[in-house]
Amino acid sequence: MAQPRIRHATKEDSQHVADLMVRLKRLNSEFDPLFMVVEDARERALDYVSASLDSPKVLLLVATQEAKVTGFLRAEIRERVFYKPHLEGHITDMYVLPEFRRKQLGHDILERCSSELAKMGAEIISADLPSRNEIGVHFYMKRGYRRLTETLTHLPQ
């Protein structure tokens, strides 16, 4: 079996990335009912991927094994108006198909992401994921990430 390849996503990858993104969002819904996935998630994912591909402030990487997209990572550059370091590379989405996990693919795509975000000016890198996703939290913490902020949620009555 060929080695996985990590590269910038193209428009040709849009359908595959959208499918993986919906899988990620459905996985998130297992952690908390406030992550309930909308019925038109795939259409929204396609629009989101398309907008991401067109934005100079967004990094969209795919991992491929031969012709199959096996994972993706989306990150964006954000300005931290009141803080130093000033520019943040913020990982919004990362997903690797279950059969390709535990083979260092997640680590490799994260390393590539870090390198690419640094080229885009990022001075700090953060990642968003459900707080109850203990496997995901451990994945990042094992690689030197730490908790910096907490997001608290409330449903008004």
N, C-alpha and C. Protein backbone atom coordinates (compact mmCIF):
# COMPACT_ATOMS: atom_id res chain seq x y z
N MET A 1 0.84 -1.18 0.00
CA MET A 1 0.00 0.00 0.00
C MET A 1 0.89 1.25 0.00
N ALA A 2 0.54 2.21 -0.83
CA ALA A 2 1.32 3.44 -0.96
C ALA A 2 1.22 4.29 0.31
N GLN A 3 2.23 5.12 0.52
CA GLN A 3 2.24 6.03 1.66
C GLN A 3 1.18 7.11 1.47
N PRO A 4 0.55 7.55 2.55
CA PRO A 4 -0.41 8.65 2.44
C PRO A 4 0.29 9.93 1.97
N ARG A 5 -0.43 10.73 1.26
CA ARG A 5 0.09 12.01 0.77
C ARG A 5 -0.77 13.11 1.36
N ILE A 6 -0.13 14.17 1.83
CA ILE A 6 -0.86 15.33 2.36
C ILE A 6 -0.60 16.49 1.42
N ARG A 7 -1.69 17.11 0.99
CA ARG A 7 -1.57 18.21 0.02
C ARG A 7 -2.70 19.19 0.23
N HIS A 8 -2.57 20.34 -0.46
CA HIS A 8 -3.65 21.33 -0.45
C HIS A 8 -4.85 20.75 -1.20
N ALA A 9 -6.03 20.98 -0.66
CA ALA A 9 -7.26 20.51 -1.31
C ALA A 9 -7.49 21.31 -2.59
N THR A 10 -8.17 20.69 -3.52
CA THR A 10 -8.57 21.34 -4.77
C THR A 10 -10.09 21.24 -4.91
N LYS A 11 -10.63 21.94 -5.89
CA LYS A 11 -12.07 21.86 -6.13
C LYS A 11 -12.51 20.42 -6.40
N GLU A 12 -11.62 19.63 -7.00
CA GLU A 12 -11.95 18.22 -7.28
C GLU A 12 -12.14 17.41 -5.99
N ASP A 13 -11.60 17.88 -4.89
CA ASP A 13 -11.73 17.19 -3.61
C ASP A 13 -12.99 17.58 -2.85
N SER A 14 -13.71 18.58 -3.33
CA SER A 14 -14.82 19.17 -2.57
C SER A 14 -15.85 18.16 -2.09
N GLN A 15 -16.29 17.27 -2.97
CA GLN A 15 -17.31 16.28 -2.59
C GLN A 15 -16.81 15.39 -1.45
N HIS A 16 -15.56 14.93 -1.58
CA HIS A 16 -14.99 14.03 -0.57
C HIS A 16 -14.80 14.75 0.77
N VAL A 17 -14.30 15.98 0.71
CA VAL A 17 -14.10 16.74 1.95
C VAL A 17 -15.44 17.03 2.61
N ALA A 18 -16.45 17.38 1.81
CA ALA A 18 -17.78 17.64 2.37
C ALA A 18 -18.33 16.38 3.05
N ASP A 19 -18.14 15.22 2.44
CA ASP A 19 -18.61 13.97 3.05
C ASP A 19 -17.90 13.73 4.38
N LEU A 20 -16.59 13.93 4.42
CA LEU A 20 -15.84 13.74 5.67
C LEU A 20 -16.24 14.78 6.71
N MET A 21 -16.53 15.99 6.27
CA MET A 21 -16.93 17.03 7.20
C MET A 21 -18.27 16.66 7.87
N VAL A 22 -19.18 16.14 7.10
CA VAL A 22 -20.46 15.73 7.67
C VAL A 22 -20.24 14.57 8.65
N ARG A 23 -19.35 13.65 8.32
CA ARG A 23 -19.03 12.57 9.26
C ARG A 23 -18.48 13.15 10.56
N LEU A 24 -17.61 14.15 10.45
CA LEU A 24 -17.05 14.80 11.64
C LEU A 24 -18.16 15.44 12.47
N LYS A 25 -19.05 16.15 11.82
CA LYS A 25 -20.12 16.83 12.55
C LYS A 25 -21.07 15.81 13.20
N ARG A 26 -21.31 14.69 12.54
CA ARG A 26 -22.14 13.64 13.15
C ARG A 26 -21.43 13.02 14.34
N LEU A 27 -20.13 12.86 14.24
CA LEU A 27 -19.35 12.38 15.38
C LEU A 27 -19.48 13.36 16.54
N ASN A 28 -19.38 14.66 16.25
CA ASN A 28 -19.52 15.68 17.30
C ASN A 28 -20.88 15.56 17.99
N SER A 29 -21.92 15.20 17.24
CA SER A 29 -23.25 15.11 17.83
C SER A 29 -23.35 13.99 18.87
N GLU A 30 -22.42 13.05 18.83
CA GLU A 30 -22.40 11.99 19.82
C GLU A 30 -21.90 12.50 21.18
N PHE A 31 -21.21 13.63 21.18
CA PHE A 31 -20.66 14.17 22.42
C PHE A 31 -21.63 15.06 23.17
N ASP A 32 -22.55 15.70 22.44
CA ASP A 32 -23.48 16.62 23.09
C ASP A 32 -24.65 16.88 22.15
N PRO A 33 -25.88 16.89 22.66
CA PRO A 33 -27.04 17.15 21.79
C PRO A 33 -27.04 18.56 21.18
N LEU A 34 -26.26 19.48 21.72
CA LEU A 34 -26.19 20.81 21.11
C LEU A 34 -25.39 20.81 19.80
N PHE A 35 -24.82 19.66 19.46
CA PHE A 35 -24.15 19.49 18.17
C PHE A 35 -25.01 18.70 17.20
N MET A 36 -26.33 18.75 17.37
CA MET A 36 -27.26 18.03 16.47
C MET A 36 -27.06 18.55 15.05
N VAL A 37 -26.85 17.65 14.14
CA VAL A 37 -26.54 18.01 12.75
C VAL A 37 -27.83 18.32 11.99
N VAL A 38 -27.80 19.40 11.21
CA VAL A 38 -28.95 19.82 10.42
C VAL A 38 -29.16 18.88 9.23
N GLU A 39 -30.38 18.84 8.73
CA GLU A 39 -30.72 17.92 7.64
C GLU A 39 -29.96 18.22 6.35
N ASP A 40 -29.71 19.48 6.08
CA ASP A 40 -29.02 19.84 4.84
C ASP A 40 -27.51 20.03 5.07
N ALA A 41 -26.94 19.25 5.98
CA ALA A 41 -25.53 19.40 6.34
C ALA A 41 -24.60 19.22 5.14
N ARG A 42 -24.92 18.28 4.27
CA ARG A 42 -24.02 18.05 3.13
C ARG A 42 -23.97 19.26 2.20
N GLU A 43 -25.11 19.86 1.91
CA GLU A 43 -25.13 21.04 1.06
C GLU A 43 -24.37 22.19 1.72
N ARG A 44 -24.58 22.35 3.02
CA ARG A 44 -23.86 23.40 3.76
C ARG A 44 -22.35 23.12 3.75
N ALA A 45 -21.99 21.85 3.90
CA ALA A 45 -20.58 21.49 3.88
C ALA A 45 -19.96 21.80 2.52
N LEU A 46 -20.67 21.51 1.45
CA LEU A 46 -20.16 21.84 0.11
C LEU A 46 -19.93 23.34 -0.04
N ASP A 47 -20.88 24.14 0.43
CA ASP A 47 -20.74 25.60 0.37
C ASP A 47 -19.55 26.07 1.21
N TYR A 48 -19.40 25.49 2.39
CA TYR A 48 -18.32 25.84 3.31
C TYR A 48 -16.96 25.49 2.72
N VAL A 49 -16.87 24.31 2.11
CA VAL A 49 -15.62 23.89 1.48
C VAL A 49 -15.30 24.81 0.31
N SER A 50 -16.30 25.13 -0.50
CA SER A 50 -16.09 26.02 -1.65
C SER A 50 -15.59 27.39 -1.19
N ALA A 51 -16.22 27.95 -0.17
CA ALA A 51 -15.79 29.25 0.36
C ALA A 51 -14.38 29.16 0.94
N SER A 52 -14.07 28.04 1.57
CA SER A 52 -12.74 27.84 2.14
C SER A 52 -11.67 27.81 1.06
N LEU A 53 -11.97 27.13 -0.04
CA LEU A 53 -11.02 27.04 -1.14
C LEU A 53 -10.75 28.41 -1.76
N ASP A 54 -11.74 29.30 -1.70
CA ASP A 54 -11.61 30.62 -2.31
C ASP A 54 -10.99 31.66 -1.39
N SER A 55 -10.78 31.32 -0.13
CA SER A 55 -10.29 32.31 0.84
C SER A 55 -8.78 32.22 1.04
N PRO A 56 -8.08 33.35 0.93
CA PRO A 56 -6.63 33.34 1.17
C PRO A 56 -6.27 33.17 2.65
N LYS A 57 -7.25 33.30 3.53
CA LYS A 57 -7.01 33.16 4.97
C LYS A 57 -7.35 31.77 5.49
N VAL A 58 -7.70 30.87 4.59
CA VAL A 58 -8.08 29.51 4.98
C VAL A 58 -7.10 28.51 4.39
N LEU A 59 -6.71 27.56 5.23
CA LEU A 59 -5.89 26.44 4.81
C LEU A 59 -6.78 25.20 4.80
N LEU A 60 -6.82 24.50 3.69
CA LEU A 60 -7.60 23.27 3.58
C LEU A 60 -6.67 22.20 3.02
N LEU A 61 -6.33 21.23 3.87
CA LEU A 61 -5.44 20.14 3.48
C LEU A 61 -6.24 18.85 3.39
N VAL A 62 -5.80 17.96 2.50
CA VAL A 62 -6.37 16.62 2.44
C VAL A 62 -5.24 15.61 2.54
N ALA A 63 -5.57 14.48 3.12
CA ALA A 63 -4.68 13.32 3.12
C ALA A 63 -5.27 12.34 2.12
N THR A 64 -4.44 11.79 1.27
CA THR A 64 -4.93 10.84 0.28
C THR A 64 -4.10 9.56 0.33
N GLN A 65 -4.76 8.47 0.06
CA GLN A 65 -4.11 7.16 -0.08
C GLN A 65 -4.50 6.69 -1.46
N GLU A 66 -3.54 6.69 -2.37
CA GLU A 66 -3.79 6.46 -3.78
C GLU A 66 -4.81 7.50 -4.23
N ALA A 67 -6.01 7.13 -4.69
CA ALA A 67 -6.97 8.14 -5.17
C ALA A 67 -8.00 8.51 -4.11
N LYS A 68 -7.93 7.91 -2.92
CA LYS A 68 -8.96 8.10 -1.90
C LYS A 68 -8.57 9.20 -0.91
N VAL A 69 -9.50 10.13 -0.66
CA VAL A 69 -9.29 11.13 0.38
C VAL A 69 -9.60 10.45 1.71
N THR A 70 -8.57 10.37 2.56
CA THR A 70 -8.68 9.63 3.83
C THR A 70 -8.80 10.54 5.04
N GLY A 71 -8.62 11.83 4.84
CA GLY A 71 -8.73 12.78 5.94
C GLY A 71 -8.60 14.20 5.42
N PHE A 72 -8.94 15.15 6.29
CA PHE A 72 -8.80 16.55 5.92
C PHE A 72 -8.57 17.38 7.18
N LEU A 73 -8.07 18.56 6.96
CA LEU A 73 -7.90 19.54 8.04
C LEU A 73 -8.20 20.91 7.45
N ARG A 74 -9.02 21.68 8.18
CA ARG A 74 -9.33 23.06 7.79
C ARG A 74 -8.89 23.98 8.92
N ALA A 75 -8.18 25.03 8.56
CA ALA A 75 -7.74 26.03 9.54
C ALA A 75 -7.84 27.40 8.90
N GLU A 76 -7.88 28.42 9.74
CA GLU A 76 -7.96 29.78 9.22
C GLU A 76 -7.09 30.71 10.06
N ILE A 77 -6.66 31.76 9.44
CA ILE A 77 -5.88 32.79 10.12
C ILE A 77 -6.86 33.78 10.74
N ARG A 78 -6.66 34.04 12.03
CA ARG A 78 -7.50 35.00 12.76
C ARG A 78 -6.61 36.03 13.43
N GLU A 79 -7.14 37.22 13.51
CA GLU A 79 -6.43 38.29 14.21
C GLU A 79 -6.83 38.29 15.68
N ARG A 80 -5.85 38.27 16.56
CA ARG A 80 -6.09 38.39 18.00
C ARG A 80 -5.88 39.87 18.34
N VAL A 81 -6.94 40.64 18.23
CA VAL A 81 -6.89 42.10 18.30
C VAL A 81 -6.19 42.61 19.56
N PHE A 82 -6.45 42.00 20.69
CA PHE A 82 -5.96 42.54 21.96
C PHE A 82 -4.76 41.79 22.52
N TYR A 83 -4.29 40.75 21.82
CA TYR A 83 -3.26 39.90 22.40
C TYR A 83 -2.05 39.73 21.51
N LYS A 84 -0.95 39.40 22.14
CA LYS A 84 0.25 38.94 21.45
C LYS A 84 0.42 37.50 21.88
N PRO A 85 0.80 36.60 21.03
CA PRO A 85 0.98 36.77 19.59
C PRO A 85 -0.31 37.22 18.90
N HIS A 86 -0.12 38.00 17.85
CA HIS A 86 -1.21 38.70 17.19
C HIS A 86 -2.00 37.83 16.20
N LEU A 87 -1.30 37.03 15.41
CA LEU A 87 -1.99 36.21 14.39
C LEU A 87 -2.08 34.76 14.85
N GLU A 88 -3.30 34.24 14.79
CA GLU A 88 -3.58 32.88 15.24
C GLU A 88 -3.97 32.01 14.05
N GLY A 89 -3.39 30.85 13.97
CA GLY A 89 -3.85 29.82 13.05
C GLY A 89 -4.84 28.97 13.83
N HIS A 90 -6.09 28.96 13.42
CA HIS A 90 -7.13 28.30 14.20
C HIS A 90 -7.67 27.09 13.43
N ILE A 91 -7.44 25.89 13.96
CA ILE A 91 -7.93 24.66 13.34
C ILE A 91 -9.41 24.52 13.68
N THR A 92 -10.24 24.57 12.67
CA THR A 92 -11.68 24.49 12.87
C THR A 92 -12.21 23.08 12.71
N ASP A 93 -11.58 22.29 11.86
CA ASP A 93 -12.06 20.95 11.55
C ASP A 93 -10.89 20.04 11.20
N MET A 94 -10.92 18.83 11.74
CA MET A 94 -9.93 17.81 11.37
C MET A 94 -10.60 16.46 11.50
N TYR A 95 -10.44 15.63 10.47
CA TYR A 95 -11.05 14.31 10.50
C TYR A 95 -10.20 13.34 9.69
N VAL A 96 -10.01 12.15 10.24
CA VAL A 96 -9.33 11.06 9.54
C VAL A 96 -10.27 9.85 9.60
N LEU A 97 -10.45 9.19 8.48
CA LEU A 97 -11.30 7.99 8.46
C LEU A 97 -10.80 6.98 9.49
N PRO A 98 -11.72 6.30 10.17
CA PRO A 98 -11.32 5.37 11.24
C PRO A 98 -10.27 4.34 10.82
N GLU A 99 -10.38 3.81 9.62
CA GLU A 99 -9.43 2.77 9.18
C GLU A 99 -8.03 3.31 8.92
N PHE A 100 -7.86 4.64 8.93
CA PHE A 100 -6.54 5.24 8.71
C PHE A 100 -5.99 5.89 9.99
N ARG A 101 -6.69 5.72 11.09
CA ARG A 101 -6.22 6.27 12.37
C ARG A 101 -5.17 5.35 12.98
N ARG A 102 -4.45 5.90 13.95
CA ARG A 102 -3.40 5.16 14.67
C ARG A 102 -2.28 4.72 13.75
N LYS A 103 -2.07 5.48 12.67
CA LYS A 103 -0.99 5.20 11.72
C LYS A 103 -0.16 6.45 11.48
N GLN A 104 -0.27 7.40 12.38
CA GLN A 104 0.46 8.66 12.38
C GLN A 104 -0.05 9.66 11.34
N LEU A 105 -1.15 9.36 10.68
CA LEU A 105 -1.68 10.27 9.67
C LEU A 105 -2.17 11.57 10.30
N GLY A 106 -2.87 11.48 11.44
CA GLY A 106 -3.32 12.68 12.13
C GLY A 106 -2.14 13.55 12.54
N HIS A 107 -1.11 12.92 13.07
CA HIS A 107 0.11 13.65 13.45
C HIS A 107 0.72 14.34 12.24
N ASP A 108 0.83 13.61 11.14
CA ASP A 108 1.46 14.16 9.94
C ASP A 108 0.67 15.33 9.35
N ILE A 109 -0.65 15.20 9.31
CA ILE A 109 -1.45 16.30 8.76
C ILE A 109 -1.39 17.51 9.68
N LEU A 110 -1.31 17.28 10.99
CA LEU A 110 -1.18 18.39 11.94
C LEU A 110 0.18 19.08 11.79
N GLU A 111 1.23 18.32 11.59
CA GLU A 111 2.57 18.90 11.37
C GLU A 111 2.58 19.74 10.09
N ARG A 112 1.98 19.22 9.03
CA ARG A 112 1.92 19.97 7.77
C ARG A 112 1.12 21.25 7.97
N CYS A 113 0.04 21.15 8.69
CA CYS A 113 -0.79 22.31 9.00
C CYS A 113 0.03 23.37 9.73
N SER A 114 0.76 22.96 10.75
CA SER A 114 1.56 23.91 11.52
C SER A 114 2.56 24.64 10.64
N SER A 115 3.20 23.90 9.78
CA SER A 115 4.18 24.49 8.86
C SER A 115 3.51 25.48 7.90
N GLU A 116 2.38 25.09 7.33
CA GLU A 116 1.67 25.95 6.38
C GLU A 116 1.11 27.20 7.07
N LEU A 117 0.57 27.04 8.27
CA LEU A 117 0.04 28.20 8.99
C LEU A 117 1.15 29.19 9.34
N ALA A 118 2.31 28.66 9.69
CA ALA A 118 3.45 29.55 9.98
C ALA A 118 3.82 30.36 8.74
N LYS A 119 3.79 29.73 7.58
CA LYS A 119 4.07 30.44 6.32
C LYS A 119 3.03 31.52 6.06
N MET A 120 1.80 31.31 6.56
CA MET A 120 0.72 32.28 6.38
C MET A 120 0.77 33.38 7.44
N GLY A 121 1.74 33.30 8.35
CA GLY A 121 1.92 34.35 9.36
C GLY A 121 1.47 33.99 10.76
N ALA A 122 0.93 32.78 10.97
CA ALA A 122 0.44 32.40 12.29
C ALA A 122 1.61 32.34 13.29
N GLU A 123 1.37 32.94 14.44
CA GLU A 123 2.36 32.94 15.51
C GLU A 123 1.95 32.01 16.65
N ILE A 124 0.72 31.59 16.64
CA ILE A 124 0.16 30.67 17.62
C ILE A 124 -0.88 29.83 16.89
N ILE A 125 -1.04 28.58 17.32
CA ILE A 125 -2.03 27.70 16.67
C ILE A 125 -2.96 27.14 17.73
N SER A 126 -4.26 27.19 17.44
CA SER A 126 -5.27 26.65 18.35
C SER A 126 -6.16 25.69 17.57
N ALA A 127 -6.93 24.91 18.31
CA ALA A 127 -7.83 23.94 17.68
C ALA A 127 -9.16 23.94 18.41
N ASP A 128 -10.23 23.84 17.65
CA ASP A 128 -11.59 23.74 18.17
C ASP A 128 -12.06 22.30 18.11
N LEU A 129 -12.61 21.79 19.22
CA LEU A 129 -13.23 20.48 19.22
C LEU A 129 -14.13 20.38 20.43
N PRO A 130 -15.11 19.48 20.40
CA PRO A 130 -16.00 19.35 21.56
C PRO A 130 -15.21 18.98 22.81
N SER A 131 -15.52 19.62 23.92
CA SER A 131 -14.79 19.37 25.15
C SER A 131 -14.94 17.94 25.63
N ARG A 132 -16.02 17.28 25.25
CA ARG A 132 -16.23 15.89 25.66
C ARG A 132 -15.57 14.88 24.72
N ASN A 133 -14.92 15.36 23.68
CA ASN A 133 -14.18 14.49 22.77
C ASN A 133 -12.81 14.23 23.40
N GLU A 134 -12.79 13.32 24.36
CA GLU A 134 -11.57 13.08 25.13
C GLU A 134 -10.44 12.53 24.27
N ILE A 135 -10.75 11.72 23.27
CA ILE A 135 -9.71 11.21 22.38
C ILE A 135 -9.08 12.36 21.60
N GLY A 136 -9.91 13.26 21.09
CA GLY A 136 -9.41 14.42 20.36
C GLY A 136 -8.59 15.34 21.25
N VAL A 137 -9.09 15.61 22.45
CA VAL A 137 -8.35 16.47 23.39
C VAL A 137 -7.00 15.84 23.69
N HIS A 138 -6.97 14.55 23.96
CA HIS A 138 -5.71 13.85 24.25
C HIS A 138 -4.76 13.93 23.04
N PHE A 139 -5.30 13.77 21.83
CA PHE A 139 -4.50 13.85 20.61
C PHE A 139 -3.73 15.17 20.56
N TYR A 140 -4.42 16.27 20.78
CA TYR A 140 -3.77 17.58 20.72
C TYR A 140 -2.83 17.79 21.91
N MET A 141 -3.25 17.43 23.09
CA MET A 141 -2.42 17.65 24.28
C MET A 141 -1.12 16.84 24.20
N LYS A 142 -1.19 15.68 23.64
CA LYS A 142 0.00 14.84 23.46
C LYS A 142 1.02 15.53 22.55
N ARG A 143 0.54 16.43 21.73
CA ARG A 143 1.40 17.13 20.77
C ARG A 143 1.73 18.56 21.21
N GLY A 144 1.56 18.84 22.49
CA GLY A 144 1.99 20.12 23.04
C GLY A 144 0.93 21.20 23.15
N TYR A 145 -0.30 20.91 22.72
CA TYR A 145 -1.37 21.89 22.87
C TYR A 145 -1.81 21.90 24.33
N ARG A 146 -2.38 23.01 24.77
CA ARG A 146 -2.91 23.10 26.13
C ARG A 146 -4.19 23.91 26.10
N ARG A 147 -4.97 23.76 27.17
CA ARG A 147 -6.22 24.52 27.26
C ARG A 147 -5.87 26.00 27.44
N LEU A 148 -6.55 26.84 26.68
CA LEU A 148 -6.32 28.27 26.79
C LEU A 148 -7.62 29.00 27.12
N THR A 149 -8.71 28.58 26.51
CA THR A 149 -10.01 29.21 26.77
C THR A 149 -11.03 28.11 27.02
N GLU A 150 -12.15 28.51 27.56
CA GLU A 150 -13.29 27.61 27.74
C GLU A 150 -14.49 28.29 27.10
N THR A 151 -15.31 27.52 26.42
CA THR A 151 -16.55 28.03 25.87
C THR A 151 -17.68 27.45 26.70
N LEU A 152 -18.46 28.31 27.30
CA LEU A 152 -19.61 27.88 28.11
C LEU A 152 -20.87 28.18 27.30
N THR A 153 -21.81 27.25 27.33
CA THR A 153 -23.01 27.37 26.52
C THR A 153 -24.26 27.30 27.40
N HIS A 154 -25.25 28.11 27.02
CA HIS A 154 -26.51 28.15 27.75
C HIS A 154 -27.64 28.31 26.75
N LEU A 155 -28.71 27.58 26.95
CA LEU A 155 -29.91 27.75 26.12
C LEU A 155 -30.89 28.65 26.86
N PRO A 156 -31.21 29.82 26.31
CA PRO A 156 -32.18 30.68 26.99
C PRO A 156 -33.54 30.02 27.03
N GLN A 157 -34.27 30.32 28.08
CA GLN A 157 -35.59 29.68 28.26
C GLN A 157 -36.71 30.58 27.81
